Amino acid sequence: MFRSILTCSSLALLMTASLSAPAQAGGCSGGGGGHYTPRPIYRPVVRPVVTPKVIVKKPAPPAPPKQLPAPPLPQVVSGSRLYLDGKNFGGGEGSVMMKVGPLTMNVEVLSWNAAAVEVQMPKMALDLALPAKLKILRADGSLVVVKEVQLTPEAPRLALGL
């Protein structure tokens, strides 16, 4: 009986020390003296699942094309005479309109031919230059051109009293 207890404890020690080596034991139930092959202990292998994180960067938007500064508008003095050179004005006298902000007014036509128009700009008491649009129409009312200009105040006169 003593031998049987010793054998059982030896068996337990051998099982924990090495699973692959055969242990010699007489069995826990006594008798025998044959070889005991321990049963393998299966433990599932757990490996973490690593999913690579994919970061998709959107391409940077293309830089807007560099725009050249707009050429300055032609300067037209309020109340001055203006010669409009061009073509296709037509043989008959048409009309010229000027729009400054919300205000639209007729411009006096001094002479008209197929290649040039002479106008007298309206006098306006301006404190600063303003953008204006000149709209030139043929005698039949069809549009010749719309031209943007910078309407400037009249040059001030200063009496020095000399």
C-alpha atoms as a PDB file:
ATOM      1  CA  MET A   1       0.000   0.000   0.000  1.00  0.00           C
ATOM      2  CA  PHE A   2       2.866   2.388   0.795  1.00  0.00           C
ATOM      3  CA  ARG A   3       4.333   1.677  -2.533  1.00  0.00           C
ATOM      4  CA  SER A   4       1.050   2.485  -4.226  1.00  0.00           C
ATOM      5  CA  ILE A   5       0.801   5.919  -2.571  1.00  0.00           C
ATOM      6  CA  LEU A   6       4.349   6.735  -3.452  1.00  0.00           C
ATOM      7  CA  THR A   7       3.749   5.669  -6.977  1.00  0.00           C
ATOM      8  CA  CYS A   8       0.673   7.896  -7.321  1.00  0.00           C
ATOM      9  CA  SER A   9       2.538  10.939  -5.997  1.00  0.00           C
ATOM     10  CA  SER A  10       5.508  10.126  -8.225  1.00  0.00           C
ATOM     11  CA  LEU A  11       3.163   9.832 -11.114  1.00  0.00           C
ATOM     12  CA  ALA A  12       1.672  13.228 -10.426  1.00  0.00           C
ATOM     13  CA  LEU A  13       5.152  14.720 -10.169  1.00  0.00           C
ATOM     14  CA  LEU A  14       6.252  13.151 -13.404  1.00  0.00           C
ATOM     15  CA  MET A  15       3.133  14.325 -15.223  1.00  0.00           C
ATOM     16  CA  THR A  16       3.735  17.899 -14.289  1.00  0.00           C
ATOM     17  CA  ALA A  17       7.478  17.733 -14.991  1.00  0.00           C
ATOM     18  CA  SER A  18       7.280  16.240 -18.441  1.00  0.00           C
ATOM     19  CA  LEU A  19       4.333  15.256 -20.524  1.00  0.00           C
ATOM     20  CA  SER A  20       6.304  13.428 -23.132  1.00  0.00           C
ATOM     21  CA  ALA A  21       8.451  11.159 -20.953  1.00  0.00           C
ATOM     22  CA  PRO A  22       6.877   7.883 -19.969  1.00  0.00           C
ATOM     23  CA  ALA A  23       6.476   7.414 -16.248  1.00  0.00           C
ATOM     24  CA  GLN A  24       7.006   4.218 -14.433  1.00  0.00           C
ATOM     25  CA  ALA A  25       4.310   3.387 -12.040  1.00  0.00           C
ATOM     26  CA  GLY A  26       2.447   0.519 -10.753  1.00  0.00           C
ATOM     27  CA  GLY A  27      -0.791   2.300 -11.194  1.00  0.00           C
ATOM     28  CA  CYS A  28      -2.841   3.955  -8.557  1.00  0.00           C
ATOM     29  CA  SER A  29      -5.031   0.964  -8.197  1.00  0.00           C
ATOM     30  CA  GLY A  30      -2.071  -1.216  -7.343  1.00  0.00           C
ATOM     31  CA  GLY A  31      -0.397  -4.072  -9.110  1.00  0.00           C
ATOM     32  CA  GLY A  32       1.246  -4.048 -12.403  1.00  0.00           C
ATOM     33  CA  GLY A  33       4.535  -2.368 -12.777  1.00  0.00           C
ATOM     34  CA  GLY A  34       3.996  -1.591 -16.451  1.00  0.00           C
ATOM     35  CA  HIS A  35       4.558   1.653 -18.196  1.00  0.00           C
ATOM     36  CA  TYR A  36       2.101   4.477 -17.934  1.00  0.00           C
ATOM     37  CA  THR A  37       1.836   6.944 -20.749  1.00  0.00           C
ATOM     38  CA  PRO A  38       0.132  10.104 -19.614  1.00  0.00           C
ATOM     39  CA  ARG A  39      -2.586  11.514 -21.802  1.00  0.00           C
ATOM     40  CA  PRO A  40      -1.643  14.758 -23.489  1.00  0.00           C
ATOM     41  CA  ILE A  41      -3.293  17.886 -22.176  1.00  0.00           C
ATOM     42  CA  TYR A  42      -4.695  19.959 -24.971  1.00  0.00           C
ATOM     43  CA  ARG A  43      -4.769  23.669 -24.468  1.00  0.00           C
ATOM     44  CA  PRO A  44      -6.016  25.792 -27.306  1.00  0.00           C
ATOM     45  CA  VAL A  45      -3.458  28.235 -28.607  1.00  0.00           C
ATOM     46  CA  VAL A  46      -4.944  31.691 -28.528  1.00  0.00           C
ATOM     47  CA  ARG A  47      -3.246  34.222 -30.724  1.00  0.00           C
ATOM     48  CA  PRO A  48      -4.557  37.732 -30.931  1.00  0.00           C
ATOM     49  CA  VAL A  49      -5.962  38.677 -34.298  1.00  0.00           C
ATOM     50  CA  VAL A  50      -4.096  41.717 -35.506  1.00  0.00           C
ATOM     51  CA  THR A  51      -5.895  43.667 -38.159  1.00  0.00           C
ATOM     52  CA  PRO A  52      -3.686  46.296 -39.722  1.00  0.00           C
ATOM     53  CA  LYS A  53      -5.228  49.752 -39.546  1.00  0.00           C
ATOM     54  CA  VAL A  54      -5.290  51.256 -42.983  1.00  0.00           C
ATOM     55  CA  ILE A  55      -5.377  55.030 -43.120  1.00  0.00           C
ATOM     56  CA  VAL A  56      -6.272  56.387 -46.495  1.00  0.00           C
ATOM     57  CA  LYS A  57      -5.279  59.992 -46.977  1.00  0.00           C
ATOM     58  CA  LYS A  58      -7.152  61.986 -49.527  1.00  0.00           C
ATOM     59  CA  PRO A  59      -4.850  63.773 -51.898  1.00  0.00           C
ATOM     60  CA  ALA A  60      -4.544  67.466 -51.268  1.00  0.00           C
ATOM     61  CA  PRO A  61      -6.766  69.492 -53.554  1.00  0.00           C
ATOM     62  CA  PRO A  62      -4.839  71.114 -56.348  1.00  0.00           C
ATOM     63  CA  ALA A  63      -3.861  74.679 -55.730  1.00  0.00           C
ATOM     64  CA  PRO A  64      -6.071  77.114 -57.590  1.00  0.00           C
ATOM     65  CA  PRO A  65      -4.348  78.518 -60.639  1.00  0.00           C
ATOM     66  CA  LYS A  66      -2.714  81.827 -60.001  1.00  0.00           C
ATOM     67  CA  GLN A  67      -4.773  84.544 -61.539  1.00  0.00           C
ATOM     68  CA  LEU A  68      -3.114  87.570 -62.910  1.00  0.00           C
ATOM     69  CA  PRO A  69      -4.457  90.776 -61.468  1.00  0.00           C
ATOM     70  CA  ALA A  70      -7.094  92.341 -63.647  1.00  0.00           C
ATOM     71  CA  PRO A  71      -5.798  95.215 -65.718  1.00  0.00           C
ATOM     72  CA  PRO A  72      -6.869  98.555 -64.310  1.00  0.00           C
ATOM     73  CA  LEU A  73     -10.027 100.047 -65.726  1.00  0.00           C
ATOM     74  CA  PRO A  74      -9.687 103.020 -68.066  1.00  0.00           C
ATOM     75  CA  GLN A  75     -10.061 106.305 -66.147  1.00  0.00           C
ATOM     76  CA  VAL A  76     -12.859 108.594 -67.357  1.00  0.00           C
ATOM     77  CA  VAL A  77     -13.357 111.992 -65.741  1.00  0.00           C
ATOM     78  CA  SER A  78     -16.931 112.962 -64.905  1.00  0.00           C
ATOM     79  CA  GLY A  79     -18.183 115.617 -67.352  1.00  0.00           C
ATOM     80  CA  SER A  80     -15.407 115.013 -69.924  1.00  0.00           C
ATOM     81  CA  ARG A  81     -15.538 114.254 -73.656  1.00  0.00           C
ATOM     82  CA  LEU A  82     -14.814 110.654 -74.523  1.00  0.00           C
ATOM     83  CA  TYR A  83     -13.884 109.157 -77.901  1.00  0.00           C
ATOM     84  CA  LEU A  84     -14.893 105.545 -78.360  1.00  0.00           C
ATOM     85  CA  ASP A  85     -12.957 103.898 -81.176  1.00  0.00           C
ATOM     86  CA  GLY A  86     -14.131 100.606 -82.564  1.00  0.00           C
ATOM     87  CA  LYS A  87     -15.982  99.092 -85.451  1.00  0.00           C
ATOM     88  CA  ASN A  88     -19.462  97.982 -86.329  1.00  0.00           C
ATOM     89  CA  PHE A  89     -21.173 100.943 -84.655  1.00  0.00           C
ATOM     90  CA  GLY A  90     -23.435 101.128 -87.688  1.00  0.00           C
ATOM     91  CA  GLY A  91     -24.213 104.029 -90.000  1.00  0.00           C
ATOM     92  CA  GLY A  92     -27.118 105.523 -88.077  1.00  0.00           C
ATOM     93  CA  GLU A  93     -26.744 107.199 -84.711  1.00  0.00           C
ATOM     94  CA  GLY A  94     -27.333 104.869 -81.803  1.00  0.00           C
ATOM     95  CA  SER A  95     -27.314 105.565 -78.080  1.00  0.00           C
ATOM     96  CA  VAL A  96     -24.933 105.273 -75.129  1.00  0.00           C
ATOM     97  CA  MET A  97     -26.054 104.471 -71.567  1.00  0.00           C
ATOM     98  CA  MET A  98     -23.960 104.680 -68.387  1.00  0.00           C
ATOM     99  CA  LYS A  99     -24.647 102.598 -65.287  1.00  0.00           C
ATOM    100  CA  VAL A 100     -23.054 103.609 -61.967  1.00  0.00           C
ATOM    101  CA  GLY A 101     -24.189 101.317 -59.159  1.00  0.00           C
ATOM    102  CA  PRO A 102     -27.997 101.179 -59.329  1.00  0.00           C
ATOM    103  CA  LEU A 103     -28.205 104.418 -61.346  1.00  0.00           C
ATOM    104  CA  THR A 104     -28.548 104.255 -65.167  1.00  0.00           C
ATOM    105  CA  MET A 105     -28.456 107.426 -67.277  1.00  0.00           C
ATOM    106  CA  ASN A 106     -28.238 108.473 -70.928  1.00  0.00           C
ATOM    107  CA  VAL A 107     -24.939 109.817 -72.230  1.00  0.00           C
ATOM    108  CA  GLU A 108     -25.038 112.674 -74.757  1.00  0.00           C
ATOM    109  CA  VAL A 109     -23.817 111.560 -78.225  1.00  0.00           C
ATOM    110  CA  LEU A 110     -21.831 114.325 -79.983  1.00  0.00           C
ATOM    111  CA  SER A 111     -20.914 112.424 -83.162  1.00  0.00           C
ATOM    112  CA  TRP A 112     -21.472 108.919 -84.532  1.00  0.00           C
ATOM    113  CA  ASN A 113     -20.050 106.974 -87.471  1.00  0.00           C
ATOM    114  CA  ALA A 114     -19.309 103.318 -88.230  1.00  0.00           C
ATOM    115  CA  ALA A 115     -15.783 103.447 -86.689  1.00  0.00           C
ATOM    116  CA  ALA A 116     -16.016 105.955 -83.776  1.00  0.00           C
ATOM    117  CA  VAL A 117     -18.410 107.574 -81.350  1.00  0.00           C
ATOM    118  CA  GLU A 118     -17.815 110.838 -79.452  1.00  0.00           C
ATOM    119  CA  VAL A 119     -19.802 111.376 -76.228  1.00  0.00           C
ATOM    120  CA  GLN A 120     -20.069 113.991 -73.483  1.00  0.00           C
ATOM    121  CA  MET A 121     -19.985 112.219 -70.101  1.00  0.00           C
ATOM    122  CA  PRO A 122     -22.546 113.443 -67.579  1.00  0.00           C
ATOM    123  CA  LYS A 123     -21.280 115.726 -64.780  1.00  0.00           C
ATOM    124  CA  MET A 124     -21.545 114.075 -61.414  1.00  0.00           C
ATOM    125  CA  ALA A 125     -20.415 115.470 -58.066  1.00  0.00           C
ATOM    126  CA  LEU A 126     -18.223 112.542 -57.028  1.00  0.00           C
ATOM    127  CA  ASP A 127     -16.084 112.341 -53.900  1.00  0.00           C
ATOM    128  CA  LEU A 128     -14.238 109.258 -55.094  1.00  0.00           C
ATOM    129  CA  ALA A 129     -13.779 107.140 -58.199  1.00  0.00           C
ATOM    130  CA  LEU A 130     -16.505 104.616 -58.970  1.00  0.00           C
ATOM    131  CA  PRO A 131     -16.725 101.730 -61.422  1.00  0.00           C
ATOM    132  CA  ALA A 132     -19.173 102.365 -64.253  1.00  0.00           C
ATOM    133  CA  LYS A 133     -20.402 100.511 -67.340  1.00  0.00           C
ATOM    134  CA  LEU A 134     -20.884 102.125 -70.706  1.00  0.00           C
ATOM    135  CA  LYS A 135     -23.449 100.339 -72.873  1.00  0.00           C
ATOM    136  CA  ILE A 136     -23.297 101.230 -76.576  1.00  0.00           C
ATOM    137  CA  LEU A 137     -26.368 100.426 -78.691  1.00  0.00           C
ATOM    138  CA  ARG A 138     -26.832 100.712 -82.486  1.00  0.00           C
ATOM    139  CA  ALA A 139     -29.711 102.662 -84.015  1.00  0.00           C
ATOM    140  CA  ASP A 140     -31.765  99.442 -84.247  1.00  0.00           C
ATOM    141  CA  GLY A 141     -31.263  98.827 -80.471  1.00  0.00           C
ATOM    142  CA  SER A 142     -28.814  95.943 -80.843  1.00  0.00           C
ATOM    143  CA  LEU A 143     -25.882  95.862 -78.436  1.00  0.00           C
ATOM    144  CA  VAL A 144     -22.451  96.823 -79.743  1.00  0.00           C
ATOM    145  CA  VAL A 145     -20.452  96.470 -76.541  1.00  0.00           C
ATOM    146  CA  VAL A 146     -20.499  96.973 -72.777  1.00  0.00           C
ATOM    147  CA  LYS A 147     -17.278  98.585 -71.546  1.00  0.00           C
ATOM    148  CA  GLU A 148     -16.261  98.953 -67.899  1.00  0.00           C
ATOM    149  CA  VAL A 149     -14.535 102.181 -66.880  1.00  0.00           C
ATOM    150  CA  GLN A 150     -13.485 103.950 -63.693  1.00  0.00           C
ATOM    151  CA  LEU A 151     -15.463 107.193 -63.378  1.00  0.00           C
ATOM    152  CA  THR A 152     -13.340 109.742 -61.518  1.00  0.00           C
ATOM    153  CA  PRO A 153     -14.206 113.129 -60.010  1.00  0.00           C
ATOM    154  CA  GLU A 154     -13.355 116.302 -61.886  1.00  0.00           C
ATOM    155  CA  ALA A 155      -9.963 117.716 -61.082  1.00  0.00           C
ATOM    156  CA  PRO A 156     -10.517 120.362 -58.413  1.00  0.00           C
ATOM    157  CA  ARG A 157      -9.447 123.961 -59.005  1.00  0.00           C
ATOM    158  CA  LEU A 158      -7.891 125.913 -56.256  1.00  0.00           C
ATOM    159  CA  ALA A 159      -8.017 129.722 -56.344  1.00  0.00           C
ATOM    160  CA  LEU A 160      -4.852 131.005 -54.789  1.00  0.00           C
ATOM    161  CA  GLY A 161      -5.827 134.687 -54.984  1.00  0.00           C
ATOM    162  CA  LEU A 162      -2.503 135.796 -56.457  1.00  0.00           C
END
